[in-house]
Amino acid sequence: MGHDQRFVFESVQDAASIRKYLEAVMEGLDKGRLVVTTGAEEFVLEPAGLLNFTVKARRRGGEGRLSLAITWKCPEDEAPRSGETLSIKA
């Protein structure tokens, strides 16, 4: 069995900035390759085959939440990275 590898990035951004990340994710899905970087480190994902797509939405009080998840079976050779800024590109 492989070990758990994770990349987590969280920040406050405006809608236009988030849109650019989502567009990069769409392009990466089209190409079958997503490269997520923080600083000089990178985390490479290669989505292939059938993908599982999950959408969750919630509203509570004055706060809203939208969660999108895309999952697939992948090789065990990816390495997690961490850092202070996020870049997503195809």
N, C-alpha and C. Protein backbone atom coordinates (compact mmCIF):
# COMPACT_ATOMS: atom_id res chain seq x y z
N MET A 1 0.83 -1.19 0.00
CA MET A 1 0.00 0.00 0.00
C MET A 1 0.87 1.25 0.00
N GLY A 2 0.44 2.28 -0.73
CA GLY A 2 1.15 3.55 -0.74
C GLY A 2 0.79 4.39 0.47
N HIS A 3 1.54 5.42 0.66
CA HIS A 3 1.27 6.32 1.78
C HIS A 3 0.47 7.53 1.30
N ASP A 4 -0.18 8.19 2.24
CA ASP A 4 -1.02 9.34 1.95
C ASP A 4 -0.14 10.53 1.58
N GLN A 5 -0.42 11.16 0.47
CA GLN A 5 0.30 12.35 0.03
C GLN A 5 -0.71 13.48 -0.10
N ARG A 6 -0.41 14.63 0.48
CA ARG A 6 -1.38 15.72 0.50
C ARG A 6 -0.74 17.05 0.12
N PHE A 7 -1.55 17.87 -0.48
CA PHE A 7 -1.20 19.26 -0.74
C PHE A 7 -2.39 20.07 -0.26
N VAL A 8 -2.15 21.07 0.56
CA VAL A 8 -3.23 21.91 1.07
C VAL A 8 -2.82 23.37 0.89
N PHE A 9 -3.72 24.16 0.35
CA PHE A 9 -3.50 25.59 0.21
C PHE A 9 -4.80 26.28 0.58
N GLU A 10 -4.72 27.31 1.39
CA GLU A 10 -5.91 28.05 1.79
C GLU A 10 -5.56 29.52 1.87
N SER A 11 -6.42 30.36 1.29
CA SER A 11 -6.20 31.80 1.33
C SER A 11 -7.51 32.53 1.06
N VAL A 12 -7.50 33.82 1.27
CA VAL A 12 -8.65 34.67 0.95
C VAL A 12 -8.33 35.36 -0.38
N GLN A 13 -9.23 35.21 -1.36
CA GLN A 13 -9.00 35.76 -2.70
C GLN A 13 -10.30 36.36 -3.22
N ASP A 14 -10.20 37.21 -4.23
CA ASP A 14 -11.42 37.73 -4.86
C ASP A 14 -11.90 36.73 -5.93
N ALA A 15 -13.13 36.93 -6.40
CA ALA A 15 -13.74 36.00 -7.35
C ALA A 15 -12.94 35.89 -8.66
N ALA A 16 -12.36 36.98 -9.13
CA ALA A 16 -11.59 36.95 -10.38
C ALA A 16 -10.35 36.06 -10.25
N SER A 17 -9.68 36.12 -9.11
CA SER A 17 -8.50 35.27 -8.88
C SER A 17 -8.89 33.80 -8.83
N ILE A 18 -9.98 33.49 -8.15
CA ILE A 18 -10.44 32.10 -8.06
C ILE A 18 -10.84 31.59 -9.44
N ARG A 19 -11.46 32.45 -10.24
CA ARG A 19 -11.84 32.06 -11.60
C ARG A 19 -10.61 31.63 -12.41
N LYS A 20 -9.49 32.34 -12.26
CA LYS A 20 -8.26 31.98 -12.98
C LYS A 20 -7.77 30.59 -12.56
N TYR A 21 -7.86 30.29 -11.27
CA TYR A 21 -7.48 28.94 -10.81
C TYR A 21 -8.40 27.88 -11.42
N LEU A 22 -9.70 28.14 -11.43
CA LEU A 22 -10.64 27.18 -11.98
C LEU A 22 -10.43 26.99 -13.48
N GLU A 23 -10.11 28.06 -14.20
CA GLU A 23 -9.82 27.94 -15.63
C GLU A 23 -8.57 27.09 -15.86
N ALA A 24 -7.56 27.26 -15.01
CA ALA A 24 -6.34 26.46 -15.13
C ALA A 24 -6.64 24.98 -14.84
N VAL A 25 -7.52 24.72 -13.88
CA VAL A 25 -7.92 23.34 -13.60
C VAL A 25 -8.63 22.75 -14.81
N MET A 26 -9.54 23.50 -15.44
CA MET A 26 -10.24 23.01 -16.64
C MET A 26 -9.24 22.68 -17.75
N GLU A 27 -8.28 23.57 -17.97
CA GLU A 27 -7.27 23.32 -19.00
C GLU A 27 -6.45 22.08 -18.67
N GLY A 28 -6.07 21.94 -17.40
CA GLY A 28 -5.31 20.76 -16.98
C GLY A 28 -6.09 19.47 -17.15
N LEU A 29 -7.39 19.50 -16.86
CA LEU A 29 -8.22 18.31 -17.08
C LEU A 29 -8.26 17.95 -18.55
N ASP A 30 -8.37 18.96 -19.42
CA ASP A 30 -8.35 18.71 -20.87
C ASP A 30 -7.05 18.06 -21.30
N LYS A 31 -5.93 18.50 -20.72
CA LYS A 31 -4.61 17.99 -21.10
C LYS A 31 -4.21 16.74 -20.34
N GLY A 32 -4.94 16.41 -19.25
CA GLY A 32 -4.59 15.23 -18.46
C GLY A 32 -3.41 15.45 -17.53
N ARG A 33 -3.16 16.71 -17.18
CA ARG A 33 -2.01 17.01 -16.31
C ARG A 33 -2.26 18.33 -15.58
N LEU A 34 -2.13 18.29 -14.26
CA LEU A 34 -2.24 19.48 -13.42
C LEU A 34 -0.95 19.60 -12.62
N VAL A 35 -0.37 20.79 -12.62
CA VAL A 35 0.84 21.05 -11.85
C VAL A 35 0.51 22.15 -10.85
N VAL A 36 0.54 21.81 -9.57
CA VAL A 36 0.25 22.75 -8.50
C VAL A 36 1.57 23.09 -7.83
N THR A 37 1.90 24.38 -7.76
CA THR A 37 3.19 24.77 -7.18
C THR A 37 3.03 25.75 -6.05
N THR A 38 3.95 25.68 -5.13
CA THR A 38 4.10 26.66 -4.06
C THR A 38 5.59 26.94 -3.97
N GLY A 39 5.98 28.17 -4.26
CA GLY A 39 7.41 28.47 -4.28
C GLY A 39 8.10 27.68 -5.38
N ALA A 40 9.20 27.03 -5.05
CA ALA A 40 9.96 26.25 -6.02
C ALA A 40 9.50 24.79 -6.07
N GLU A 41 8.58 24.40 -5.21
CA GLU A 41 8.10 23.03 -5.14
C GLU A 41 6.89 22.83 -6.05
N GLU A 42 6.69 21.59 -6.54
CA GLU A 42 5.52 21.32 -7.35
C GLU A 42 4.94 19.95 -7.05
N PHE A 43 3.63 19.85 -7.26
CA PHE A 43 2.85 18.64 -7.03
C PHE A 43 2.15 18.35 -8.34
N VAL A 44 2.46 17.23 -8.97
CA VAL A 44 1.93 16.90 -10.30
C VAL A 44 0.83 15.85 -10.17
N LEU A 45 -0.31 16.14 -10.80
CA LEU A 45 -1.43 15.21 -10.85
C LEU A 45 -1.74 14.90 -12.31
N GLU A 46 -2.08 13.65 -12.60
CA GLU A 46 -2.40 13.25 -13.96
C GLU A 46 -3.75 12.55 -13.99
N PRO A 47 -4.84 13.34 -14.02
CA PRO A 47 -6.17 12.73 -14.06
C PRO A 47 -6.38 11.98 -15.36
N ALA A 48 -6.87 10.76 -15.25
CA ALA A 48 -7.08 9.93 -16.44
C ALA A 48 -8.30 9.05 -16.23
N GLY A 49 -8.85 8.57 -17.32
CA GLY A 49 -9.99 7.67 -17.25
C GLY A 49 -11.23 8.40 -16.76
N LEU A 50 -12.12 7.65 -16.16
CA LEU A 50 -13.33 8.24 -15.62
C LEU A 50 -13.02 8.91 -14.30
N LEU A 51 -13.53 10.12 -14.11
CA LEU A 51 -13.28 10.91 -12.91
C LEU A 51 -14.57 10.98 -12.09
N ASN A 52 -14.42 10.96 -10.79
CA ASN A 52 -15.56 11.14 -9.90
C ASN A 52 -15.66 12.62 -9.56
N PHE A 53 -16.82 13.22 -9.77
CA PHE A 53 -17.03 14.65 -9.55
C PHE A 53 -18.08 14.84 -8.47
N THR A 54 -17.73 15.54 -7.39
CA THR A 54 -18.64 15.76 -6.27
C THR A 54 -18.80 17.26 -6.05
N VAL A 55 -20.04 17.70 -5.91
CA VAL A 55 -20.35 19.10 -5.61
C VAL A 55 -21.17 19.13 -4.33
N LYS A 56 -20.74 19.96 -3.38
CA LYS A 56 -21.47 20.15 -2.13
C LYS A 56 -21.68 21.64 -1.93
N ALA A 57 -22.90 22.02 -1.57
CA ALA A 57 -23.22 23.42 -1.31
C ALA A 57 -23.96 23.51 0.02
N ARG A 58 -23.67 24.60 0.76
CA ARG A 58 -24.31 24.79 2.06
C ARG A 58 -24.44 26.27 2.33
N ARG A 59 -25.54 26.62 2.97
CA ARG A 59 -25.75 27.99 3.41
C ARG A 59 -26.19 27.91 4.87
N ARG A 60 -25.50 28.67 5.73
CA ARG A 60 -25.84 28.69 7.15
C ARG A 60 -25.66 30.11 7.64
N GLY A 61 -26.75 30.70 8.11
CA GLY A 61 -26.68 32.08 8.55
C GLY A 61 -26.26 32.97 7.40
N GLY A 62 -25.26 33.79 7.61
CA GLY A 62 -24.76 34.69 6.57
C GLY A 62 -23.58 34.12 5.81
N GLU A 63 -23.32 32.83 5.93
CA GLU A 63 -22.14 32.22 5.30
C GLU A 63 -22.55 31.17 4.29
N GLY A 64 -21.88 31.16 3.13
CA GLY A 64 -22.12 30.14 2.11
C GLY A 64 -20.86 29.32 1.89
N ARG A 65 -21.05 28.13 1.39
CA ARG A 65 -19.90 27.25 1.13
C ARG A 65 -20.19 26.42 -0.12
N LEU A 66 -19.20 26.33 -1.01
CA LEU A 66 -19.27 25.48 -2.19
C LEU A 66 -17.99 24.65 -2.21
N SER A 67 -18.14 23.34 -2.23
CA SER A 67 -16.98 22.45 -2.29
C SER A 67 -17.05 21.63 -3.57
N LEU A 68 -15.95 21.60 -4.31
CA LEU A 68 -15.85 20.81 -5.52
C LEU A 68 -14.73 19.79 -5.31
N ALA A 69 -14.99 18.55 -5.67
CA ALA A 69 -13.96 17.53 -5.56
C ALA A 69 -13.94 16.70 -6.84
N ILE A 70 -12.74 16.44 -7.35
CA ILE A 70 -12.53 15.59 -8.52
C ILE A 70 -11.55 14.51 -8.08
N THR A 71 -11.95 13.25 -8.18
CA THR A 71 -11.08 12.16 -7.75
C THR A 71 -10.93 11.12 -8.85
N TRP A 72 -9.83 10.37 -8.79
CA TRP A 72 -9.55 9.30 -9.74
C TRP A 72 -8.47 8.42 -9.15
N LYS A 73 -8.27 7.28 -9.74
CA LYS A 73 -7.18 6.39 -9.34
C LYS A 73 -5.90 6.90 -9.99
N CYS A 74 -4.80 6.98 -9.22
CA CYS A 74 -3.57 7.52 -9.78
C CYS A 74 -2.36 6.72 -9.30
N PRO A 75 -1.22 6.87 -10.00
CA PRO A 75 0.01 6.19 -9.59
C PRO A 75 0.49 6.70 -8.24
N GLU A 76 1.31 5.92 -7.59
CA GLU A 76 1.79 6.22 -6.24
C GLU A 76 3.07 7.06 -6.22
N ASP A 77 3.52 7.58 -7.39
CA ASP A 77 4.83 8.23 -7.43
C ASP A 77 4.79 9.74 -7.28
N GLU A 78 3.68 10.33 -6.86
CA GLU A 78 3.62 11.76 -6.67
C GLU A 78 4.10 12.13 -5.27
N ALA A 79 4.75 13.26 -5.14
CA ALA A 79 5.25 13.71 -3.84
C ALA A 79 4.55 14.98 -3.41
N PRO A 80 4.11 15.06 -2.16
CA PRO A 80 3.45 16.27 -1.68
C PRO A 80 4.43 17.41 -1.45
N ARG A 81 3.96 18.62 -1.60
CA ARG A 81 4.79 19.80 -1.38
C ARG A 81 3.98 20.81 -0.59
N SER A 82 4.65 21.72 0.07
CA SER A 82 3.93 22.78 0.77
C SER A 82 4.65 24.10 0.56
N GLY A 83 3.95 25.20 0.80
CA GLY A 83 4.54 26.51 0.62
C GLY A 83 3.55 27.62 0.95
N GLU A 84 3.87 28.83 0.56
CA GLU A 84 3.04 29.97 0.94
C GLU A 84 2.14 30.50 -0.17
N THR A 85 2.47 30.29 -1.44
CA THR A 85 1.63 30.78 -2.51
C THR A 85 1.21 29.61 -3.39
N LEU A 86 0.15 29.78 -4.16
CA LEU A 86 -0.41 28.72 -4.98
C LEU A 86 -0.33 29.09 -6.44
N SER A 87 0.03 28.12 -7.27
CA SER A 87 -0.03 28.25 -8.72
C SER A 87 -0.62 26.98 -9.28
N ILE A 88 -1.58 27.09 -10.19
CA ILE A 88 -2.15 25.94 -10.87
C ILE A 88 -2.02 26.21 -12.36
N LYS A 89 -1.45 25.26 -13.09
CA LYS A 89 -1.31 25.44 -14.53
C LYS A 89 -1.42 24.10 -15.23
N ALA A 90 -1.66 24.13 -16.51
CA ALA A 90 -1.79 22.90 -17.29
C ALA A 90 -0.45 22.58 -17.92
